[in-house]
Amino acid sequence: MNKSQFLGLLHSHLSVLPPEECNELMEDYEAHFAFALQNGRTEEEVILELGHPEELAREALGNRFIPKEPVYWFGGQEAPTPVRPQVPEVSLRNGFMKSMVYTGLFFVDIIVVPSLLALWSFWICFPIVAFVGIISPVLLGLDYLTDGVFYPAKGYAVIALVGIGILFTIASKSTFKVFKDMSLAFKAWHTRTVKGALRHE
């Protein structure tokens, strides 16, 4: 099974959900695939990690009512409210598991969120260095107009700074994409984990 087959099968199992919710879940899994593939993992490894699409769909549906007949969603019509089976009482295990999920997320967040902010703070240096390097000839010209003296050493330094500015421009573009995908993947994982905990309510 490859990525397209996996996502197609998952979509067919999730088609009983309202289109907006189904599309949101599919976007999360597509982002997960994109992030993993960019980090050198194969489609087979990602599929093995996620498990079978039917099991994922069953976990996403939780205790929802699943119609036996195919569901057809029409644009412009309000989706019918799903009928949830009445649960007489919430078991202590569900409440315990939910609190454990939130506690685990809290400890993960206090490490991962500052780390992501530190990465983004580090990334800001890239465009700043790139900008300063590229405009260094202008700064050299202003220095010459101010002092009226041209130092060859400064001219050589400006040539090097222009090259560094160009390289940092390229680096800032590529690292921005990596940090952006990393942040979105963490956000998607966080959202899925919270939703999974809420489905046990």
Foldseek 3Di string as FASTA:
>chain_A
DFPVVQLVVLLVLQVQDPPVVSVLLSVLVVLVVVLCVVVPDGRVVSDVVVDHSNVVSCLLCQQWDDDPDDDDDDPPDDDDDTDGDDDPDADPVLVVVLVVLVVVVVVVCVPVVVVLVVLVVVLVVLQVLLVCLQCLVVVQVVVCVVPVDHDVVSVVVSVVSNVSSVVSVVVSVVVVVSSVSVVVSVVSVSVVSNSSSVSSD
